[in-house]
C-alpha atoms as a PDB file:
ATOM      1  CA  MET A   1       0.035  -0.143   0.185  1.00  0.00           C
ATOM      2  CA  GLU A   2       3.006   2.397   0.999  1.00  0.00           C
ATOM      3  CA  ALA A   3       4.441   2.034  -2.564  1.00  0.00           C
ATOM      4  CA  ARG A   4       0.739   2.776  -4.469  1.00  0.00           C
ATOM      5  CA  LEU A   5       0.397   5.837  -2.243  1.00  0.00           C
ATOM      6  CA  ALA A   6       4.328   7.181  -3.206  1.00  0.00           C
ATOM      7  CA  ILE A   7       3.150   6.616  -7.019  1.00  0.00           C
ATOM      8  CA  GLU A   8      -0.103   8.512  -6.891  1.00  0.00           C
ATOM      9  CA  GLU A   9       1.668  11.112  -5.246  1.00  0.00           C
ATOM     10  CA  ASP A  10       4.315  11.659  -8.043  1.00  0.00           C
ATOM     11  CA  PHE A  11       1.456  11.499 -10.367  1.00  0.00           C
ATOM     12  CA  LYS A  12      -0.756  14.072  -8.737  1.00  0.00           C
ATOM     13  CA  LYS A  13       2.781  16.027  -8.895  1.00  0.00           C
ATOM     14  CA  GLY A  14       2.602  15.993 -12.913  1.00  0.00           C
ATOM     15  CA  TYR A  15       5.187  13.571 -13.632  1.00  0.00           C
ATOM     16  CA  ASP A  16       4.603  12.033 -16.861  1.00  0.00           C
ATOM     17  CA  LEU A  17       7.105   9.583 -17.938  1.00  0.00           C
ATOM     18  CA  PRO A  18       6.985   6.561 -19.511  1.00  0.00           C
ATOM     19  CA  VAL A  19       8.395   4.087 -16.941  1.00  0.00           C
ATOM     20  CA  TYR A  20       8.398   4.852 -13.088  1.00  0.00           C
ATOM     21  CA  VAL A  21      11.000   3.455 -10.508  1.00  0.00           C
ATOM     22  CA  TYR A  22       9.998   2.925  -7.054  1.00  0.00           C
ATOM     23  CA  LYS A  23      13.366   3.860  -5.723  1.00  0.00           C
ATOM     24  CA  PRO A  24      12.902   2.358  -1.835  1.00  0.00           C
ATOM     25  CA  TRP A  25      12.393  -1.261  -3.714  1.00  0.00           C
ATOM     26  CA  CYS A  26      15.258  -0.700  -6.318  1.00  0.00           C
ATOM     27  CA  LYS A  27      18.582  -2.357  -5.150  1.00  0.00           C
ATOM     28  CA  SER A  28      20.652  -0.971  -8.154  1.00  0.00           C
ATOM     29  CA  CYS A  29      21.554  -4.033  -9.905  1.00  0.00           C
ATOM     30  CA  GLU A  30      21.356  -2.199 -13.122  1.00  0.00           C
ATOM     31  CA  ILE A  31      19.752  -4.805 -14.612  1.00  0.00           C
ATOM     32  CA  CYS A  32      17.067  -2.606 -16.007  1.00  0.00           C
ATOM     33  CA  VAL A  33      19.422  -0.040 -17.927  1.00  0.00           C
ATOM     34  CA  ALA A  34      21.472  -3.226 -19.505  1.00  0.00           C
ATOM     35  CA  PHE A  35      18.430  -4.812 -20.911  1.00  0.00           C
ATOM     36  CA  CYS A  36      16.833  -1.596 -22.132  1.00  0.00           C
ATOM     37  CA  PRO A  37      17.185  -1.468 -26.241  1.00  0.00           C
ATOM     38  CA  LYS A  38      16.788   1.953 -26.596  1.00  0.00           C
ATOM     39  CA  ASN A  39      19.343   3.215 -23.227  1.00  0.00           C
ATOM     40  CA  VAL A  40      16.507   5.248 -21.735  1.00  0.00           C
ATOM     41  CA  LEU A  41      17.367   4.336 -18.524  1.00  0.00           C
ATOM     42  CA  GLU A  42      20.914   5.486 -16.937  1.00  0.00           C
ATOM     43  CA  MET A  43      22.225   5.137 -13.376  1.00  0.00           C
ATOM     44  CA  GLY A  44      21.717   8.220 -11.601  1.00  0.00           C
ATOM     45  CA  GLU A  45      24.195   9.628  -8.889  1.00  0.00           C
ATOM     46  CA  ASP A  46      22.265   7.950  -5.973  1.00  0.00           C
ATOM     47  CA  ARG A  47      23.015   4.639  -8.197  1.00  0.00           C
ATOM     48  CA  LYS A  48      19.052   4.333  -8.953  1.00  0.00           C
ATOM     49  CA  PRO A  49      17.919   4.261 -12.274  1.00  0.00           C
ATOM     50  CA  VAL A  50      17.045   7.443 -13.839  1.00  0.00           C
ATOM     51  CA  VAL A  51      14.438   8.109 -17.055  1.00  0.00           C
ATOM     52  CA  ALA A  52      17.265   9.801 -19.212  1.00  0.00           C
ATOM     53  CA  ARG A  53      15.333   9.577 -22.641  1.00  0.00           C
ATOM     54  CA  PRO A  54      12.040   8.957 -21.897  1.00  0.00           C
ATOM     55  CA  ASP A  55      11.141  10.329 -25.879  1.00  0.00           C
ATOM     56  CA  ASP A  56      12.927   6.964 -26.953  1.00  0.00           C
ATOM     57  CA  CYS A  57      11.238   4.459 -24.819  1.00  0.00           C
ATOM     58  CA  ILE A  58       9.434   2.001 -27.141  1.00  0.00           C
ATOM     59  CA  PHE A  59       7.303   0.375 -24.612  1.00  0.00           C
ATOM     60  CA  CYS A  60       8.836  -3.258 -24.880  1.00  0.00           C
ATOM     61  CA  LYS A  61       8.813  -3.788 -21.289  1.00  0.00           C
ATOM     62  CA  GLN A  62      12.133  -5.130 -20.702  1.00  0.00           C
ATOM     63  CA  CYS A  63      12.962  -3.127 -17.771  1.00  0.00           C
ATOM     64  CA  GLU A  64       9.848  -4.289 -15.928  1.00  0.00           C
ATOM     65  CA  ILE A  65      10.074  -7.825 -17.041  1.00  0.00           C
ATOM     66  CA  ARG A  66      13.724  -8.285 -15.860  1.00  0.00           C
ATOM     67  CA  CYS A  67      13.921  -6.010 -12.642  1.00  0.00           C
ATOM     68  CA  PRO A  68      14.139  -8.993  -9.635  1.00  0.00           C
ATOM     69  CA  ASP A  69      12.532  -6.705  -7.257  1.00  0.00           C
ATOM     70  CA  LEU A  70       9.278  -5.414  -9.258  1.00  0.00           C
ATOM     71  CA  ALA A  71      10.364  -1.742  -8.916  1.00  0.00           C
ATOM     72  CA  ILE A  72       9.930  -0.561 -12.334  1.00  0.00           C
ATOM     73  CA  PHE A  73       7.129  -0.491 -14.561  1.00  0.00           C
ATOM     74  CA  LEU A  74       5.666   1.039 -17.308  1.00  0.00           C
ATOM     75  CA  THR A  75       3.288   3.824 -16.546  1.00  0.00           C
ATOM     76  CA  ARG A  76       1.419   3.874 -19.868  1.00  0.00           C
ATOM     77  CA  GLU A  77       0.941   2.455 -23.610  1.00  0.00           C
ATOM     78  CA  LYS A  78       2.343   3.786 -26.388  1.00  0.00           C
ATOM     79  CA  LYS A  79       0.686   6.592 -28.271  1.00  0.00           C
ATOM     80  CA  LYS A  80      -0.640   5.199 -31.268  1.00  0.00           C
END
């Protein structure tokens, strides 16, 4: 429930990114960064992934599927 509330708060702030990283669950394994075919993600100064190139996201879900901690997911589908 705590994760859901944090996510809802971020969306209320107006964030509109294709990928959401719930940083408290992230263990900085870099799997999401390694599997992204478009290099949308990169590691930030806090050693957590950041969405560096949101417009390049092709919504393949590789980051979401590969995350061992379920800390990353797509927030919307690709606009047609």
